[in-house]
Amino acid sequence: MTLATSLLTLAVVVSTGVAGCLAQQAPRHTAAVDATPTSQGGASGTKGGASSGGAADSPLTVYAAAGANALSPVARTARHMVYVPNTLSNTVQLIDPRTYKVVGRFHTPREPQHVVPSWDLKTLWVNADQGNSLTPVDPVTGKPGRSVPVEDPYNLYFTPDGKHALVMAERMRRIDVRDAQTMKLQRSLSVPCAGINHADFSADLSYFVASCEFSGKLMVIDSEATKVRRVIDLNAITTPGATSPGEAMAMPGSPKNGLRPGASSMPQDVRLSPDGRKFLVADMLRNGVWVIDARTLKVARFIPTGLGAHGLYPSRDASKVYVSNRDAGTITVLDAATLRAAAVWKIPHGGSPDMGGVTADGSELWLAGRYDREVYVFDTTTGKLLHRIPVDAGPHGLCVWPQPGQFSLGHTGNMR
């Protein structure tokens, strides 16, 4: 079976029934969710998905084109570098992944949040939401270009055809659809929630799920961002080990105090599972990962991982998913086939692991230490912390570049 055939088969299997599901109003969940993953992967079943040995045993993985060292011709021209945006310092620092040393720095408009590879992999965009700008970086030289005026770009994604950029205008409560090359505004989509910021697309690329961190909701939106098709309310579902809204609001300086009245969930990163049958959503108030059935778009279950669950990163062989627990200072390693916790990596003396990415060969996981002015480098085989690299204040959505894949859907490297 060829790679193209495998991906097409997976898309057909997963997308069956989704169109009808999107046309329906989401029911309000009131029952508690089972926090214990089943051996069969829950509601999604196992037919056509990953075997018990891991997703790498099956050709049907949405990340087949993003395997170890599978760099595209464009990505191969890039300088190997890690780009670290520092929100409190208004800088981006460049770290050489061979020497683990900071080798460059440039200033940006106010509060750079994420460094995002463009759909065609030719540009890295620095998102500065408070500075209302996107700054292009040439990945071949590592040098920044002239910033482009863009309102409130907290995060950035791209339509699967590469024609449009999707700017997550968090404080404006909308998604701005822009030309992917010029960033000229084409239209806007208002969303009925607060704090829209992270997203990922379905296996067939026909829709995406986006998180609203301050409202405790998920938006289901068509791939062209023309309409909110469905709202998944996470607040009514009880889960074990959650941080109460009152406790969260009392945390000084924490984004958790931005919760809206009635919100008891704080969804963060969203990633499609390697088998394409489930969306995984990290929740830093519920302290774990939601599992959303990609066919029914209903909550299947919840997986406790650690305080402040935040980022989600599939391994290069698609057999694992790494979950950064920012408040716990740990990384939970989930088996991609069963979604059971296979290991927990602890940062010695604590830390605040946030956003980042996996190296092209899959051997290392790089994460920003959001509140500790440092970057962490983990050995993905042993879980050992290899390096703590001092950086400027407020490191956030760092980008390891280049990464394998044929195109980028956005964030710090959602590659397909």
Protein backbone atom coordinates (compact mmCIF):
# COMPACT_ATOMS: atom_id res chain seq x y z
CA MET A 1 0.00 0.00 0.00
CA THR A 2 1.43 3.39 -0.99
CA LEU A 3 1.57 6.39 1.35
CA ALA A 4 -1.00 8.26 -0.73
CA THR A 5 -3.37 5.28 -0.70
CA SER A 6 -2.95 4.86 3.05
CA LEU A 7 -3.77 8.49 3.78
CA LEU A 8 -6.76 8.46 1.44
CA THR A 9 -8.10 5.30 3.07
CA LEU A 10 -7.68 6.78 6.53
CA ALA A 11 -9.47 9.98 5.54
CA VAL A 12 -12.44 8.07 4.12
CA VAL A 13 -12.73 5.84 7.21
CA VAL A 14 -12.56 8.69 9.68
CA SER A 15 -14.76 11.15 7.81
CA THR A 16 -17.71 8.75 7.44
CA GLY A 17 -20.67 10.26 9.21
CA VAL A 18 -18.91 13.52 10.15
CA ALA A 19 -20.83 15.67 7.69
CA GLY A 20 -24.15 14.68 9.23
CA CYS A 21 -22.74 15.13 12.69
CA LEU A 22 -21.63 18.69 11.97
CA ALA A 23 -25.13 19.64 10.96
CA GLN A 24 -26.52 18.75 14.38
CA GLN A 25 -26.45 20.77 17.57
CA ALA A 26 -24.10 19.33 20.17
CA PRO A 27 -25.90 17.85 23.19
CA ARG A 28 -25.08 19.22 26.62
CA HIS A 29 -23.04 16.62 28.51
CA THR A 30 -23.96 16.26 32.14
CA ALA A 31 -22.57 12.89 33.16
CA ALA A 32 -19.12 12.37 34.59
CA VAL A 33 -16.55 11.08 32.14
CA ASP A 34 -14.69 7.82 32.75
CA ALA A 35 -11.12 8.84 33.52
CA THR A 36 -9.70 5.37 32.86
CA PRO A 37 -8.71 4.67 29.23
CA THR A 38 -9.88 1.34 27.85
CA SER A 39 -7.54 -1.11 26.21
CA GLN A 40 -9.36 -0.71 22.91
CA GLY A 41 -8.91 3.04 22.67
CA GLY A 42 -12.47 3.88 23.74
CA ALA A 43 -15.31 4.88 21.48
CA SER A 44 -13.15 5.08 18.39
CA GLY A 45 -12.55 1.32 18.17
CA THR A 46 -9.52 -0.23 16.49
CA LYS A 47 -10.49 -1.12 12.94
CA GLY A 48 -8.05 0.52 10.56
CA GLY A 49 -6.26 2.26 13.43
CA ALA A 50 -3.16 1.65 15.46
CA SER A 51 -2.40 -1.82 16.75
CA SER A 52 -1.54 -2.52 20.37
CA GLY A 53 2.10 -2.24 19.38
CA GLY A 54 1.73 1.46 18.54
CA ALA A 55 0.64 3.58 15.61
CA ALA A 56 3.97 3.01 13.89
CA ASP A 57 2.89 -0.61 13.22
CA SER A 58 0.05 0.64 11.00
CA PRO A 59 0.41 2.50 7.70
CA LEU A 60 -2.82 4.34 8.55
CA THR A 61 -1.47 7.32 10.44
CA VAL A 62 -2.22 10.95 9.69
CA TYR A 63 1.42 11.75 10.46
CA ALA A 64 2.87 9.30 7.93
CA ALA A 65 4.44 12.15 5.95
CA ALA A 66 6.00 13.62 9.11
CA GLY A 67 8.12 10.62 10.09
CA ALA A 68 11.73 10.82 11.22
CA ASN A 69 13.94 12.85 8.86
CA ALA A 70 11.27 12.95 6.13
CA LEU A 71 12.14 16.54 5.25
CA SER A 72 10.65 18.08 2.14
CA PRO A 73 12.97 19.64 -0.47
CA VAL A 74 12.05 23.10 0.85
CA ALA A 75 12.63 22.17 4.50
CA ARG A 76 16.03 20.68 3.66
CA THR A 77 17.27 24.14 2.67
CA ALA A 78 16.57 25.54 6.15
CA ARG A 79 19.19 26.29 8.74
CA HIS A 80 18.81 23.88 11.67
CA MET A 81 17.71 26.13 14.50
CA VAL A 82 15.34 26.46 17.45
CA TYR A 83 13.42 29.75 17.58
CA VAL A 84 12.30 30.90 21.04
CA PRO A 85 9.77 33.77 21.34
CA ASN A 86 10.01 35.51 24.72
CA THR A 87 6.75 37.24 25.58
CA LEU A 88 8.07 39.31 28.49
CA SER A 89 11.26 40.41 26.75
CA ASN A 90 9.85 41.05 23.26
CA THR A 91 12.63 39.04 21.67
CA VAL A 92 13.19 35.88 19.66
CA GLN A 93 16.33 33.92 20.45
CA LEU A 94 17.99 31.38 18.16
CA ILE A 95 19.47 28.23 19.70
CA ASP A 96 21.82 25.98 17.74
CA PRO A 97 20.47 22.42 18.31
CA ARG A 98 23.94 20.96 17.84
CA THR A 99 25.69 23.02 20.52
CA TYR A 100 22.63 23.93 22.64
CA LYS A 101 23.90 27.51 22.73
CA VAL A 102 22.04 30.75 22.03
CA VAL A 103 23.57 32.04 18.80
CA GLY A 104 21.27 34.92 17.93
CA ARG A 105 18.58 37.31 19.10
CA PHE A 106 16.31 39.88 17.51
CA HIS A 107 13.66 42.19 18.91
CA THR A 108 9.99 41.97 17.97
CA PRO A 109 6.83 43.99 18.56
CA ARG A 110 5.14 43.47 21.92
CA GLU A 111 4.56 39.94 23.28
CA PRO A 112 5.69 37.41 20.68
CA GLN A 113 3.69 34.26 21.45
CA HIS A 114 4.48 31.56 18.88
CA VAL A 115 6.83 30.95 15.96
CA VAL A 116 4.79 29.32 13.20
CA PRO A 117 5.99 27.68 9.96
CA SER A 118 4.01 28.78 6.91
CA TRP A 119 2.00 26.27 4.90
CA ASP A 120 4.65 26.16 2.15
CA LEU A 121 7.49 25.92 4.73
CA LYS A 122 9.24 28.94 3.23
CA THR A 123 8.64 31.37 6.11
CA LEU A 124 8.51 31.29 9.89
CA TRP A 125 6.00 33.76 11.30
CA VAL A 126 6.47 35.33 14.75
CA ASN A 127 3.05 36.08 16.27
CA ALA A 128 3.06 39.22 18.44
CA ASP A 129 -0.52 39.70 19.57
CA GLN A 130 -0.10 42.80 21.73
CA GLY A 131 2.15 44.30 19.06
CA ASN A 132 -0.50 43.56 16.40
CA SER A 133 2.03 42.15 13.98
CA LEU A 134 3.45 39.10 12.24
CA THR A 135 7.20 39.13 11.67
CA PRO A 136 8.52 36.90 8.86
CA VAL A 137 11.75 34.98 9.38
CA ASP A 138 13.74 33.43 6.56
CA PRO A 139 14.45 29.84 7.72
CA VAL A 140 17.44 29.60 5.38
CA THR A 141 19.28 32.47 7.07
CA GLY A 142 17.41 32.83 10.37
CA LYS A 143 17.05 36.56 9.77
CA PRO A 144 13.79 38.47 10.35
CA GLY A 145 12.09 40.63 7.75
CA ARG A 146 9.84 43.64 8.10
CA SER A 147 6.86 43.08 10.40
CA VAL A 148 3.41 42.98 8.81
CA PRO A 149 0.56 44.82 10.60
CA VAL A 150 -1.99 42.17 11.68
CA GLU A 151 -4.51 42.68 14.46
CA ASP A 152 -4.21 40.42 17.52
CA PRO A 153 -2.34 37.38 16.11
CA TYR A 154 -2.15 35.21 19.22
CA ASN A 155 -1.75 32.08 17.10
CA LEU A 156 -1.69 31.21 13.43
CA TYR A 157 -2.96 28.32 11.31
CA PHE A 158 -3.47 27.65 7.59
CA THR A 159 -6.23 26.16 5.49
CA PRO A 160 -5.24 22.75 4.09
CA ASP A 161 -5.03 24.10 0.54
CA GLY A 162 -2.48 26.69 1.66
CA LYS A 163 -4.45 29.65 0.31
CA HIS A 164 -5.53 31.24 3.57
CA ALA A 165 -3.97 32.07 6.91
CA LEU A 166 -6.22 31.68 9.95
CA VAL A 167 -5.28 34.22 12.60
CA MET A 168 -6.55 33.34 16.07
CA ALA A 169 -7.47 36.84 17.23
CA GLU A 170 -7.97 35.82 20.86
CA ARG A 171 -8.91 39.10 22.51
CA MET A 172 -11.12 40.06 19.53
CA ARG A 173 -13.07 36.77 19.78
CA ARG A 174 -12.71 35.96 16.12
CA ILE A 175 -10.73 34.13 13.47
CA ASP A 176 -9.39 36.41 10.76
CA VAL A 177 -9.02 34.80 7.34
CA ARG A 178 -6.10 36.34 5.48
CA ASP A 179 -4.14 35.76 2.30
CA ALA A 180 -1.47 33.21 3.26
CA GLN A 181 1.25 35.10 1.38
CA THR A 182 0.48 38.79 1.90
CA MET A 183 -1.54 38.48 5.15
CA LYS A 184 -4.12 40.86 3.70
CA LEU A 185 -7.44 40.54 5.53
CA GLN A 186 -10.14 38.78 3.51
CA ARG A 187 -12.89 38.24 6.09
CA SER A 188 -13.51 37.48 9.76
CA LEU A 189 -15.45 34.80 11.62
CA SER A 190 -16.77 35.75 15.05
CA VAL A 191 -16.80 32.92 17.59
CA PRO A 192 -19.21 32.54 20.55
CA CYS A 193 -16.47 32.09 23.13
CA ALA A 194 -13.52 33.76 24.83
CA GLY A 195 -9.87 32.86 24.37
CA ILE A 196 -9.80 31.06 21.03
CA ASN A 197 -6.21 30.03 20.41
CA HIS A 198 -5.27 26.42 19.48
CA ALA A 199 -6.59 24.06 16.81
CA ASP A 200 -6.06 21.01 14.63
CA PHE A 201 -7.71 19.57 11.53
CA SER A 202 -9.54 16.31 10.92
CA ALA A 203 -7.94 13.41 9.05
CA ASP A 204 -9.69 14.33 5.82
CA LEU A 205 -8.90 18.05 6.41
CA SER A 206 -12.56 19.04 6.04
CA TYR A 207 -12.91 20.74 9.44
CA PHE A 208 -10.96 21.74 12.51
CA VAL A 209 -11.51 21.83 16.25
CA ALA A 210 -10.40 24.97 18.10
CA SER A 211 -10.11 25.56 21.84
CA CYS A 212 -11.49 28.54 23.76
CA GLU A 213 -9.47 28.61 26.96
CA PHE A 214 -11.40 31.23 28.91
CA SER A 215 -14.85 29.80 28.15
CA GLY A 216 -14.16 26.08 28.53
CA LYS A 217 -15.50 25.27 25.07
CA LEU A 218 -14.40 23.80 21.76
CA MET A 219 -15.46 25.15 18.37
CA VAL A 220 -15.99 22.84 15.39
CA ILE A 221 -15.42 24.86 12.22
CA ASP A 222 -15.24 23.99 8.52
CA SER A 223 -11.75 24.09 7.03
CA GLU A 224 -12.38 27.38 5.21
CA ALA A 225 -13.51 29.02 8.48
CA THR A 226 -16.87 30.16 7.12
CA LYS A 227 -19.09 29.04 10.01
CA VAL A 228 -19.00 27.59 13.52
CA ARG A 229 -20.66 24.23 12.92
CA ARG A 230 -20.83 23.02 16.48
CA VAL A 231 -19.93 23.98 20.04
CA ILE A 232 -18.68 21.38 22.53
CA ASP A 233 -19.19 22.61 26.10
CA LEU A 234 -16.68 21.00 28.48
CA ASN A 235 -17.82 22.85 31.59
CA ALA A 236 -20.76 20.59 32.47
CA ILE A 237 -18.63 17.45 32.56
CA THR A 238 -17.08 16.46 35.88
CA THR A 239 -13.56 15.04 35.93
CA PRO A 240 -11.26 13.91 38.76
CA GLY A 241 -8.38 16.02 40.03
CA ALA A 242 -9.55 19.34 38.61
CA THR A 243 -8.39 22.72 39.87
CA SER A 244 -11.45 24.71 40.97
CA PRO A 245 -12.21 28.02 39.21
CA GLY A 246 -11.86 29.76 42.56
CA GLU A 247 -8.35 28.40 43.06
CA ALA A 248 -7.42 29.33 39.51
CA MET A 249 -8.69 32.88 39.82
CA ALA A 250 -6.62 33.36 42.96
CA MET A 251 -3.33 32.48 41.25
CA PRO A 252 -1.40 35.76 40.84
CA GLY A 253 -0.16 36.48 37.33
CA SER A 254 -1.66 33.29 35.90
CA PRO A 255 -3.71 33.34 32.69
CA LYS A 256 -6.19 31.23 34.62
CA ASN A 257 -7.55 34.37 36.24
CA GLY A 258 -8.97 35.28 32.84
CA LEU A 259 -11.67 32.61 33.20
CA ARG A 260 -15.16 33.76 32.32
CA PRO A 261 -18.06 33.25 34.78
CA GLY A 262 -19.32 29.68 34.64
CA ALA A 263 -16.12 28.26 33.11
CA SER A 264 -14.57 25.30 34.90
CA SER A 265 -12.47 24.01 32.01
CA MET A 266 -9.49 25.62 30.28
CA PRO A 267 -8.72 23.78 27.00
CA GLN A 268 -5.32 24.48 25.46
CA ASP A 269 -3.51 22.61 22.70
CA VAL A 270 -5.51 20.46 20.27
CA ARG A 271 -4.01 17.60 18.26
CA LEU A 272 -5.50 14.83 16.17
CA SER A 273 -4.50 11.36 17.38
CA PRO A 274 -2.18 9.48 15.00
CA ASP A 275 -4.99 7.10 13.96
CA GLY A 276 -7.12 10.09 12.98
CA ARG A 277 -10.08 8.93 15.04
CA LYS A 278 -9.81 11.22 18.06
CA PHE A 279 -9.00 14.79 18.91
CA LEU A 280 -6.85 15.20 22.01
CA VAL A 281 -7.31 18.43 23.96
CA ALA A 282 -5.02 19.43 26.84
CA ASP A 283 -6.81 21.20 29.70
CA MET A 284 -4.73 23.10 32.23
CA LEU A 285 -7.62 23.56 34.67
CA ARG A 286 -8.84 19.96 34.56
CA ASN A 287 -5.19 18.82 34.58
CA GLY A 288 -5.39 16.27 31.82
CA VAL A 289 -6.43 15.49 28.27
CA TRP A 290 -9.93 15.32 26.79
CA VAL A 291 -10.59 12.69 24.13
CA ILE A 292 -13.11 13.79 21.49
CA ASP A 293 -14.48 11.22 19.04
CA ALA A 294 -13.68 12.65 15.60
CA ARG A 295 -16.75 10.99 14.04
CA THR A 296 -19.45 11.88 16.56
CA LEU A 297 -17.71 14.98 17.95
CA LYS A 298 -18.68 13.93 21.46
CA VAL A 299 -16.47 13.62 24.52
CA ALA A 300 -15.32 10.00 24.79
CA ARG A 301 -13.34 10.26 28.01
CA PHE A 302 -10.80 12.22 30.02
CA ILE A 303 -7.21 11.25 30.87
CA PRO A 304 -5.61 12.82 33.97
CA THR A 305 -1.95 13.68 33.26
CA GLY A 306 -0.75 16.42 35.62
CA LEU A 307 -1.31 19.97 36.84
CA GLY A 308 -1.57 22.47 34.04
CA ALA A 309 -1.73 20.08 31.06
CA HIS A 310 -0.82 22.30 28.15
CA GLY A 311 0.97 21.08 25.00
CA LEU A 312 0.55 17.93 22.83
CA TYR A 313 3.22 16.47 20.55
CA PRO A 314 3.15 13.16 18.63
CA SER A 315 6.42 11.25 18.39
CA ARG A 316 8.02 10.90 14.97
CA ASP A 317 7.01 7.23 14.74
CA ALA A 318 3.45 8.17 15.83
CA SER A 319 3.54 5.61 18.64
CA LYS A 320 3.43 8.14 21.48
CA VAL A 321 1.98 11.52 22.38
CA TYR A 322 3.92 13.80 24.72
CA VAL A 323 1.84 15.98 27.09
CA SER A 324 3.53 18.93 28.80
CA ASN A 325 2.12 19.56 32.29
CA ARG A 326 3.15 23.15 32.88
CA ASP A 327 2.24 23.52 36.55
CA ALA A 328 3.45 20.06 37.55
CA GLY A 329 6.81 20.39 35.83
CA THR A 330 6.36 17.02 34.12
CA ILE A 331 5.83 15.38 30.74
CA THR A 332 3.30 12.55 30.46
CA VAL A 333 3.98 10.07 27.66
CA LEU A 334 0.79 8.51 26.29
CA ASP A 335 0.73 5.35 24.24
CA ALA A 336 -0.90 6.55 21.01
CA ALA A 337 -2.81 3.30 20.49
CA THR A 338 -4.34 2.91 23.96
CA LEU A 339 -3.92 6.46 25.32
CA ARG A 340 -2.63 4.98 28.54
CA ALA A 341 0.21 6.75 30.33
CA ALA A 342 3.40 4.89 29.47
CA ALA A 343 5.76 7.13 31.44
CA VAL A 344 6.06 10.41 33.33
CA TRP A 345 9.21 12.51 33.00
CA LYS A 346 9.96 14.87 35.87
CA ILE A 347 12.05 18.00 35.54
CA PRO A 348 14.61 17.94 38.37
CA HIS A 349 13.88 20.71 40.89
CA GLY A 350 10.74 21.65 38.96
CA GLY A 351 9.97 23.70 35.88
CA SER A 352 7.20 25.03 33.66
CA PRO A 353 7.20 23.07 30.36
CA ASP A 354 4.99 24.78 27.81
CA MET A 355 5.03 24.69 23.99
CA GLY A 356 7.69 23.38 21.64
CA GLY A 357 8.33 20.49 19.29
CA VAL A 358 10.13 17.26 18.42
CA THR A 359 13.37 17.28 16.44
CA ALA A 360 13.40 16.05 12.85
CA ASP A 361 14.99 12.74 13.82
CA GLY A 362 12.60 12.29 16.75
CA SER A 363 15.36 11.93 19.33
CA GLU A 364 14.62 15.08 21.34
CA LEU A 365 11.64 17.02 22.65
CA TRP A 366 12.23 20.76 23.10
CA LEU A 367 9.91 22.80 25.34
CA ALA A 368 9.86 26.38 26.58
CA GLY A 369 10.02 26.90 30.35
CA ARG A 370 7.34 29.56 30.47
CA TYR A 371 7.95 30.91 33.97
CA ASP A 372 11.59 29.94 34.43
CA ARG A 373 13.48 31.74 31.65
CA GLU A 374 14.79 28.49 30.22
CA VAL A 375 14.33 25.90 27.49
CA TYR A 376 14.21 22.16 28.23
CA VAL A 377 15.61 19.42 25.99
CA PHE A 378 14.48 15.84 26.70
CA ASP A 379 15.81 12.55 25.36
CA THR A 380 12.68 10.91 23.93
CA THR A 381 14.05 7.40 24.45
CA THR A 382 14.96 7.69 28.13
CA GLY A 383 12.96 10.75 29.21
CA LYS A 384 16.12 12.23 30.67
CA LEU A 385 16.42 16.02 30.78
CA LEU A 386 19.52 16.63 28.67
CA HIS A 387 19.76 20.42 28.81
CA ARG A 388 18.33 23.49 30.55
CA ILE A 389 19.22 26.45 28.37
CA PRO A 390 18.90 29.96 29.87
CA VAL A 391 16.87 32.38 27.74
CA ASP A 392 15.11 35.73 28.09
CA ALA A 393 11.95 36.17 30.17
CA GLY A 394 8.69 34.53 29.16
CA PRO A 395 9.65 31.85 26.61
CA HIS A 396 6.50 30.49 24.96
CA GLY A 397 5.74 28.78 21.63
CA LEU A 398 9.19 27.77 20.44
CA CYS A 399 9.67 26.24 17.03
CA VAL A 400 12.18 23.49 16.23
CA TRP A 401 13.07 23.84 12.56
CA PRO A 402 13.15 22.20 10.10
CA GLN A 403 10.54 19.53 10.74
CA PRO A 404 9.38 16.61 8.56
CA GLY A 405 6.14 16.89 6.61
CA GLN A 406 4.74 18.00 3.28
CA PHE A 407 3.00 21.12 4.60
CA SER A 408 2.29 23.00 7.82
CA LEU A 409 -1.17 23.56 9.26
CA GLY A 410 0.26 26.06 11.73
CA HIS A 411 1.10 26.50 15.42
CA THR A 412 4.69 25.47 16.25
CA GLY A 413 4.65 22.72 13.63
CA ASN A 414 1.38 20.86 13.08
CA MET A 415 2.78 18.97 10.11
CA ARG A 416 1.06 16.61 7.70
